[in-house]
N, C-alpha and C. Protein backbone atom coordinates (compact mmCIF):
# COMPACT_ATOMS: atom_id res chain seq x y z
N MET A 1 -18.85 -2.18 12.47
CA MET A 1 -17.57 -2.72 12.88
C MET A 1 -16.57 -1.61 13.11
N THR A 2 -16.93 -0.65 13.94
CA THR A 2 -16.02 0.46 14.19
C THR A 2 -14.93 0.12 15.20
N ASP A 3 -15.15 -0.90 16.03
CA ASP A 3 -14.14 -1.29 17.01
C ASP A 3 -13.34 -2.48 16.48
N SER A 4 -12.84 -2.33 15.28
CA SER A 4 -12.12 -3.41 14.62
C SER A 4 -10.84 -2.90 14.01
N LEU A 5 -9.90 -3.79 13.83
CA LEU A 5 -8.67 -3.48 13.11
C LEU A 5 -8.61 -4.39 11.90
N PHE A 6 -7.98 -3.90 10.85
CA PHE A 6 -7.79 -4.69 9.64
C PHE A 6 -6.54 -5.54 9.81
N HIS A 7 -6.58 -6.78 9.29
CA HIS A 7 -5.45 -7.70 9.33
C HIS A 7 -5.19 -8.21 7.92
N LEU A 8 -3.93 -8.23 7.53
CA LEU A 8 -3.56 -8.77 6.23
C LEU A 8 -2.30 -9.60 6.38
N ALA A 9 -2.33 -10.82 5.87
CA ALA A 9 -1.15 -11.67 5.82
C ALA A 9 -0.71 -11.75 4.36
N PHE A 10 0.60 -11.73 4.14
CA PHE A 10 1.10 -11.72 2.77
C PHE A 10 2.45 -12.44 2.71
N PRO A 11 2.84 -12.93 1.53
CA PRO A 11 4.08 -13.69 1.42
C PRO A 11 5.31 -12.78 1.34
N VAL A 12 6.39 -13.22 1.97
CA VAL A 12 7.67 -12.52 1.88
C VAL A 12 8.77 -13.54 1.63
N ARG A 13 9.86 -13.09 1.05
CA ARG A 13 10.96 -14.02 0.76
C ARG A 13 12.16 -13.84 1.69
N ASN A 14 12.20 -12.72 2.44
CA ASN A 14 13.33 -12.45 3.30
C ASN A 14 12.85 -11.59 4.47
N ILE A 15 12.91 -12.13 5.68
CA ILE A 15 12.40 -11.41 6.86
C ILE A 15 13.17 -10.11 7.10
N GLU A 16 14.49 -10.14 7.03
CA GLU A 16 15.28 -8.93 7.31
C GLU A 16 15.02 -7.83 6.29
N ALA A 17 14.95 -8.16 5.01
CA ALA A 17 14.66 -7.16 3.99
C ALA A 17 13.24 -6.61 4.17
N THR A 18 12.32 -7.46 4.58
CA THR A 18 10.94 -7.04 4.82
C THR A 18 10.88 -6.07 5.99
N LYS A 19 11.61 -6.36 7.08
CA LYS A 19 11.65 -5.45 8.23
C LYS A 19 12.26 -4.11 7.83
N GLN A 20 13.31 -4.12 7.05
CA GLN A 20 13.93 -2.88 6.57
C GLN A 20 12.92 -2.03 5.82
N PHE A 21 12.20 -2.62 4.89
CA PHE A 21 11.23 -1.89 4.08
C PHE A 21 10.09 -1.33 4.92
N TYR A 22 9.45 -2.20 5.71
CA TYR A 22 8.24 -1.78 6.42
C TYR A 22 8.53 -0.91 7.65
N VAL A 23 9.59 -1.21 8.39
CA VAL A 23 9.87 -0.46 9.62
C VAL A 23 10.74 0.76 9.34
N VAL A 24 11.92 0.55 8.81
CA VAL A 24 12.87 1.63 8.62
C VAL A 24 12.43 2.57 7.50
N ASP A 25 12.02 2.01 6.37
CA ASP A 25 11.69 2.84 5.22
C ASP A 25 10.28 3.44 5.28
N LEU A 26 9.26 2.61 5.56
CA LEU A 26 7.88 3.12 5.60
C LEU A 26 7.49 3.71 6.95
N GLY A 27 8.14 3.27 8.02
CA GLY A 27 7.81 3.79 9.35
C GLY A 27 6.77 2.98 10.10
N CYS A 28 6.53 1.73 9.71
CA CYS A 28 5.61 0.86 10.45
C CYS A 28 6.22 0.52 11.80
N THR A 29 5.37 0.11 12.74
CA THR A 29 5.88 -0.39 14.01
C THR A 29 6.15 -1.88 13.86
N LEU A 30 7.15 -2.36 14.58
CA LEU A 30 7.51 -3.77 14.55
C LEU A 30 6.82 -4.48 15.69
N GLY A 31 6.17 -5.58 15.38
CA GLY A 31 5.51 -6.40 16.39
C GLY A 31 6.29 -7.68 16.60
N ARG A 32 5.55 -8.75 16.86
CA ARG A 32 6.17 -10.05 17.09
C ARG A 32 6.86 -10.56 15.82
N GLU A 33 7.86 -11.40 16.04
CA GLU A 33 8.52 -12.02 14.89
C GLU A 33 9.07 -13.38 15.27
N SER A 34 9.18 -14.21 14.27
CA SER A 34 9.78 -15.53 14.42
C SER A 34 10.66 -15.75 13.19
N GLN A 35 11.20 -16.95 13.05
CA GLN A 35 11.99 -17.24 11.86
C GLN A 35 11.12 -17.35 10.62
N GLN A 36 9.82 -17.51 10.80
CA GLN A 36 8.91 -17.73 9.67
C GLN A 36 7.95 -16.58 9.39
N ALA A 37 7.87 -15.60 10.30
CA ALA A 37 6.88 -14.53 10.12
C ALA A 37 7.29 -13.29 10.91
N VAL A 38 6.73 -12.16 10.49
CA VAL A 38 6.97 -10.90 11.18
C VAL A 38 5.69 -10.07 11.13
N THR A 39 5.39 -9.39 12.24
CA THR A 39 4.17 -8.61 12.37
C THR A 39 4.51 -7.13 12.41
N PHE A 40 3.68 -6.33 11.70
CA PHE A 40 3.87 -4.88 11.64
C PHE A 40 2.57 -4.17 11.97
N GLY A 41 2.71 -2.94 12.46
CA GLY A 41 1.58 -2.05 12.61
C GLY A 41 1.66 -0.99 11.51
N LEU A 42 0.64 -0.91 10.68
CA LEU A 42 0.55 0.08 9.61
C LEU A 42 -0.69 0.92 9.86
N ALA A 43 -0.49 2.14 10.34
CA ALA A 43 -1.60 3.05 10.65
C ALA A 43 -2.61 2.39 11.60
N GLY A 44 -2.09 1.62 12.55
CA GLY A 44 -2.97 0.98 13.53
C GLY A 44 -3.54 -0.35 13.10
N HIS A 45 -3.17 -0.84 11.93
CA HIS A 45 -3.67 -2.12 11.44
C HIS A 45 -2.54 -3.13 11.40
N GLN A 46 -2.89 -4.42 11.41
CA GLN A 46 -1.89 -5.47 11.52
C GLN A 46 -1.57 -6.09 10.17
N LEU A 47 -0.29 -6.08 9.83
CA LEU A 47 0.22 -6.79 8.66
C LEU A 47 1.12 -7.91 9.17
N VAL A 48 1.05 -9.07 8.52
CA VAL A 48 1.91 -10.17 8.89
C VAL A 48 2.55 -10.72 7.63
N GLY A 49 3.87 -10.62 7.56
CA GLY A 49 4.62 -11.20 6.45
C GLY A 49 5.03 -12.61 6.81
N HIS A 50 4.63 -13.57 5.97
CA HIS A 50 4.95 -14.98 6.19
C HIS A 50 5.98 -15.42 5.16
N LEU A 51 7.08 -15.98 5.66
CA LEU A 51 8.14 -16.46 4.80
C LEU A 51 7.61 -17.59 3.92
N THR A 52 7.87 -17.51 2.63
CA THR A 52 7.44 -18.54 1.70
C THR A 52 8.67 -19.28 1.20
N PRO A 53 8.55 -20.58 1.01
CA PRO A 53 9.71 -21.35 0.57
C PRO A 53 10.13 -21.02 -0.87
N ASP A 54 9.18 -20.61 -1.67
CA ASP A 54 9.46 -20.27 -3.05
C ASP A 54 9.35 -18.77 -3.24
N GLN A 55 10.04 -18.25 -4.22
CA GLN A 55 9.95 -16.83 -4.57
C GLN A 55 8.51 -16.51 -4.97
N PRO A 56 7.84 -15.58 -4.27
CA PRO A 56 6.51 -15.19 -4.73
C PRO A 56 6.60 -14.67 -6.17
N LEU A 57 5.61 -15.00 -6.96
CA LEU A 57 5.60 -14.56 -8.34
C LEU A 57 5.48 -13.05 -8.41
N LYS A 58 6.24 -12.46 -9.31
CA LYS A 58 6.15 -11.02 -9.52
C LYS A 58 4.89 -10.75 -10.33
N GLN A 59 4.03 -9.93 -9.77
CA GLN A 59 2.77 -9.60 -10.41
C GLN A 59 3.01 -8.75 -11.65
N GLN A 60 2.27 -9.02 -12.70
CA GLN A 60 2.39 -8.26 -13.95
C GLN A 60 1.31 -7.17 -13.97
N GLY A 61 1.59 -6.04 -13.36
CA GLY A 61 0.63 -4.95 -13.27
C GLY A 61 0.08 -4.82 -11.86
N ILE A 62 -0.75 -3.81 -11.65
CA ILE A 62 -1.26 -3.52 -10.31
C ILE A 62 -2.46 -4.37 -9.91
N TYR A 63 -3.04 -5.08 -10.87
CA TYR A 63 -4.20 -5.93 -10.58
C TYR A 63 -3.81 -7.39 -10.76
N PRO A 64 -4.36 -8.26 -9.96
CA PRO A 64 -5.51 -8.07 -9.11
C PRO A 64 -5.18 -7.74 -7.67
N ARG A 65 -3.89 -7.84 -7.26
CA ARG A 65 -3.61 -7.80 -5.83
C ARG A 65 -2.66 -6.66 -5.47
N HIS A 66 -3.10 -5.85 -4.53
CA HIS A 66 -2.27 -4.84 -3.88
C HIS A 66 -2.99 -4.40 -2.61
N PHE A 67 -2.29 -3.71 -1.74
CA PHE A 67 -2.89 -3.20 -0.51
C PHE A 67 -2.21 -1.89 -0.17
N GLY A 68 -2.77 -1.14 0.78
CA GLY A 68 -2.15 0.12 1.16
C GLY A 68 -3.02 0.94 2.08
N LEU A 69 -2.87 2.26 1.97
CA LEU A 69 -3.59 3.19 2.83
C LEU A 69 -4.27 4.27 2.00
N ILE A 70 -5.36 4.78 2.54
CA ILE A 70 -6.00 5.98 2.02
C ILE A 70 -5.76 7.06 3.06
N PHE A 71 -5.07 8.11 2.67
CA PHE A 71 -4.81 9.23 3.57
C PHE A 71 -5.96 10.22 3.50
N LEU A 72 -6.38 10.71 4.65
CA LEU A 72 -7.41 11.74 4.69
C LEU A 72 -6.82 13.12 4.47
N SER A 73 -5.51 13.23 4.60
CA SER A 73 -4.81 14.49 4.42
C SER A 73 -3.87 14.39 3.22
N GLN A 74 -3.98 15.31 2.29
CA GLN A 74 -3.07 15.33 1.15
C GLN A 74 -1.64 15.60 1.61
N THR A 75 -1.50 16.39 2.65
CA THR A 75 -0.17 16.68 3.19
C THR A 75 0.52 15.41 3.67
N GLU A 76 -0.22 14.54 4.38
CA GLU A 76 0.36 13.28 4.85
C GLU A 76 0.67 12.35 3.68
N TRP A 77 -0.20 12.32 2.68
CA TRP A 77 0.05 11.51 1.48
C TRP A 77 1.35 11.97 0.82
N GLN A 78 1.50 13.29 0.66
CA GLN A 78 2.69 13.83 0.02
C GLN A 78 3.94 13.55 0.86
N ALA A 79 3.79 13.62 2.18
CA ALA A 79 4.94 13.34 3.05
C ALA A 79 5.43 11.90 2.88
N LEU A 80 4.50 10.95 2.71
CA LEU A 80 4.94 9.57 2.49
C LEU A 80 5.59 9.42 1.12
N ALA A 81 5.04 10.07 0.11
CA ALA A 81 5.67 10.02 -1.22
C ALA A 81 7.09 10.59 -1.16
N ASP A 82 7.25 11.69 -0.44
CA ASP A 82 8.57 12.30 -0.30
C ASP A 82 9.52 11.38 0.48
N ARG A 83 8.99 10.75 1.54
CA ARG A 83 9.81 9.81 2.32
C ARG A 83 10.26 8.64 1.46
N ALA A 84 9.34 8.10 0.67
CA ALA A 84 9.68 6.97 -0.21
C ALA A 84 10.78 7.36 -1.19
N ARG A 85 10.69 8.57 -1.74
CA ARG A 85 11.73 9.04 -2.66
C ARG A 85 13.08 9.17 -1.94
N SER A 86 13.03 9.79 -0.76
CA SER A 86 14.29 10.03 -0.03
C SER A 86 14.95 8.72 0.42
N LYS A 87 14.16 7.67 0.65
CA LYS A 87 14.69 6.37 1.05
C LYS A 87 15.09 5.52 -0.16
N GLY A 88 14.81 6.02 -1.36
CA GLY A 88 15.16 5.28 -2.56
C GLY A 88 14.30 4.04 -2.79
N LEU A 89 13.05 4.08 -2.32
CA LEU A 89 12.17 2.93 -2.49
C LEU A 89 11.77 2.79 -3.95
N THR A 90 11.37 1.58 -4.32
CA THR A 90 10.98 1.29 -5.69
C THR A 90 9.54 1.70 -5.92
N PHE A 91 9.35 2.71 -6.76
CA PHE A 91 8.01 3.11 -7.16
C PHE A 91 7.58 2.22 -8.32
N TYR A 92 6.51 1.46 -8.11
CA TYR A 92 5.95 0.67 -9.20
C TYR A 92 5.20 1.60 -10.15
N GLN A 93 4.52 2.60 -9.58
CA GLN A 93 3.93 3.70 -10.34
C GLN A 93 4.22 4.99 -9.58
N GLN A 94 4.67 5.99 -10.30
CA GLN A 94 4.97 7.29 -9.71
C GLN A 94 3.69 7.99 -9.26
N PRO A 95 3.80 8.94 -8.33
CA PRO A 95 2.63 9.71 -7.92
C PRO A 95 1.95 10.37 -9.11
N ARG A 96 0.63 10.30 -9.10
CA ARG A 96 -0.16 10.90 -10.19
C ARG A 96 -1.58 11.13 -9.71
N VAL A 97 -2.36 11.79 -10.55
CA VAL A 97 -3.78 12.04 -10.25
C VAL A 97 -4.60 11.16 -11.17
N ARG A 98 -5.51 10.40 -10.59
CA ARG A 98 -6.45 9.57 -11.36
C ARG A 98 -7.79 10.27 -11.41
N PHE A 99 -8.49 10.12 -12.51
CA PHE A 99 -9.83 10.65 -12.73
C PHE A 99 -9.92 12.15 -12.41
N PRO A 100 -8.99 12.94 -12.96
CA PRO A 100 -8.99 14.38 -12.65
C PRO A 100 -10.29 15.07 -13.06
N GLY A 101 -10.68 16.02 -12.23
CA GLY A 101 -11.86 16.82 -12.51
C GLY A 101 -13.18 16.13 -12.23
N THR A 102 -13.13 14.94 -11.60
CA THR A 102 -14.37 14.22 -11.27
C THR A 102 -14.50 14.11 -9.75
N ARG A 103 -15.64 13.62 -9.30
CA ARG A 103 -15.87 13.43 -7.87
C ARG A 103 -15.05 12.27 -7.30
N ILE A 104 -14.44 11.47 -8.17
CA ILE A 104 -13.62 10.37 -7.68
C ILE A 104 -12.12 10.64 -7.91
N GLU A 105 -11.78 11.89 -8.17
CA GLU A 105 -10.39 12.28 -8.35
C GLU A 105 -9.58 11.91 -7.11
N HIS A 106 -8.42 11.33 -7.36
CA HIS A 106 -7.53 11.03 -6.23
C HIS A 106 -6.08 10.96 -6.69
N ARG A 107 -5.21 11.21 -5.73
CA ARG A 107 -3.78 11.10 -5.94
C ARG A 107 -3.38 9.69 -5.51
N THR A 108 -2.44 9.10 -6.24
CA THR A 108 -2.06 7.73 -5.95
C THR A 108 -0.61 7.48 -6.35
N PHE A 109 0.02 6.55 -5.65
CA PHE A 109 1.29 5.98 -6.10
C PHE A 109 1.38 4.57 -5.56
N PHE A 110 2.19 3.77 -6.23
CA PHE A 110 2.40 2.38 -5.86
C PHE A 110 3.87 2.15 -5.55
N LEU A 111 4.12 1.43 -4.47
CA LEU A 111 5.47 0.99 -4.13
C LEU A 111 5.53 -0.53 -4.25
N GLU A 112 6.74 -1.04 -4.47
CA GLU A 112 6.95 -2.47 -4.52
C GLU A 112 7.90 -2.85 -3.39
N ASP A 113 7.47 -3.80 -2.55
CA ASP A 113 8.34 -4.21 -1.45
C ASP A 113 9.38 -5.22 -1.94
N PRO A 114 10.32 -5.64 -1.09
CA PRO A 114 11.39 -6.53 -1.54
C PRO A 114 10.90 -7.89 -2.05
N SER A 115 9.67 -8.28 -1.71
CA SER A 115 9.11 -9.56 -2.18
C SER A 115 8.14 -9.37 -3.34
N HIS A 116 8.15 -8.18 -3.93
CA HIS A 116 7.30 -7.83 -5.09
C HIS A 116 5.83 -7.65 -4.73
N ASN A 117 5.50 -7.47 -3.45
CA ASN A 117 4.13 -7.11 -3.09
C ASN A 117 3.94 -5.64 -3.44
N LEU A 118 2.77 -5.30 -3.97
CA LEU A 118 2.50 -3.92 -4.35
C LEU A 118 1.65 -3.24 -3.30
N LEU A 119 2.04 -2.00 -2.97
CA LEU A 119 1.31 -1.19 -2.00
C LEU A 119 0.86 0.09 -2.68
N GLU A 120 -0.41 0.45 -2.50
CA GLU A 120 -0.94 1.69 -3.06
C GLU A 120 -1.26 2.65 -1.93
N PHE A 121 -0.94 3.91 -2.17
CA PHE A 121 -1.22 4.97 -1.21
C PHE A 121 -2.01 6.05 -1.93
N LYS A 122 -3.18 6.41 -1.36
CA LYS A 122 -4.12 7.31 -2.03
C LYS A 122 -4.52 8.47 -1.13
N HIS A 123 -4.97 9.53 -1.79
CA HIS A 123 -5.69 10.62 -1.13
C HIS A 123 -6.78 11.08 -2.09
N TYR A 124 -8.03 10.99 -1.65
CA TYR A 124 -9.16 11.43 -2.46
C TYR A 124 -9.43 12.91 -2.25
N THR A 125 -9.64 13.62 -3.35
CA THR A 125 -9.99 15.03 -3.29
C THR A 125 -11.30 15.21 -2.52
N TYR A 126 -12.25 14.33 -2.78
CA TYR A 126 -13.56 14.36 -2.11
C TYR A 126 -13.67 13.09 -1.27
N GLU A 127 -13.69 13.26 0.04
CA GLU A 127 -13.73 12.12 0.94
C GLU A 127 -14.92 11.20 0.66
N SER A 128 -15.99 11.75 0.11
CA SER A 128 -17.17 10.93 -0.20
C SER A 128 -16.86 9.84 -1.22
N ALA A 129 -15.78 9.97 -1.97
CA ALA A 129 -15.43 8.97 -2.98
C ALA A 129 -14.86 7.69 -2.38
N ILE A 130 -14.46 7.72 -1.13
CA ILE A 130 -13.86 6.53 -0.51
C ILE A 130 -14.86 5.38 -0.52
N PHE A 131 -16.09 5.64 -0.13
CA PHE A 131 -17.12 4.60 -0.12
C PHE A 131 -18.37 4.99 -0.90
N GLY A 132 -18.42 6.19 -1.38
CA GLY A 132 -19.63 6.67 -2.04
C GLY A 132 -19.43 6.97 -3.51
N GLU A 133 -20.14 8.01 -3.98
CA GLU A 133 -20.10 8.41 -5.39
C GLU A 133 -20.44 7.21 -6.28
N ARG A 134 -21.48 6.50 -5.89
CA ARG A 134 -21.86 5.26 -6.56
C ARG A 134 -22.32 5.46 -8.00
N GLU A 135 -22.62 6.69 -8.38
CA GLU A 135 -23.02 6.93 -9.77
C GLU A 135 -21.84 6.80 -10.74
N HIS A 136 -20.64 6.80 -10.20
CA HIS A 136 -19.44 6.57 -11.01
C HIS A 136 -19.16 5.08 -11.03
N ASP A 137 -18.94 4.53 -12.20
CA ASP A 137 -18.72 3.09 -12.28
C ASP A 137 -17.24 2.73 -12.45
N GLN A 138 -16.34 3.73 -12.36
CA GLN A 138 -14.92 3.43 -12.49
C GLN A 138 -14.39 2.92 -11.15
N VAL A 139 -13.76 1.78 -11.20
CA VAL A 139 -13.03 1.23 -10.07
C VAL A 139 -11.70 0.78 -10.64
N GLY A 140 -10.66 1.48 -10.33
CA GLY A 140 -9.37 1.17 -10.92
C GLY A 140 -9.25 1.78 -12.31
N ASP A 141 -8.20 1.40 -13.00
CA ASP A 141 -7.94 1.92 -14.35
C ASP A 141 -8.33 0.87 -15.37
N ALA A 142 -9.25 1.22 -16.24
CA ALA A 142 -9.68 0.29 -17.29
C ALA A 142 -8.51 -0.07 -18.20
N GLY A 143 -8.39 -1.36 -18.46
CA GLY A 143 -7.37 -1.82 -19.40
C GLY A 143 -5.96 -1.87 -18.83
N GLU A 144 -5.76 -1.46 -17.60
CA GLU A 144 -4.41 -1.48 -17.02
C GLU A 144 -4.22 -2.76 -16.22
N LYS A 145 -3.09 -3.36 -16.39
CA LYS A 145 -2.80 -4.59 -15.62
C LYS A 145 -2.45 -4.21 -14.20
């Protein structure tokens, strides 16, 4: 499925605040919009925020639901972290290194959008860890919500 784009629909509580976060702050492209939904381009993939009548529940921890990007360049990952800081975005988790000194070592940070959706941005030290390194059984942080 190399000629495919990823699509994700997610709940939002305010279209204008959502556009501010994704377009102005993160740098996504703005696509179609209506009074009930707005479409964004994130690294060539389609995100659609759908207005929900009720406040989406604020997730208690990073699991089970979040989405984001894996950067192939540490420089680009750092540039987004710096941009998020300069825009005053809400870091749900500050930039850090997970699993240091292993083949699955990666840099990560989490942002929270205005509707409490969590976004993770990563850069793996070893690109093979994105889909490989199957001998490691760690997926996420044990015991962390």
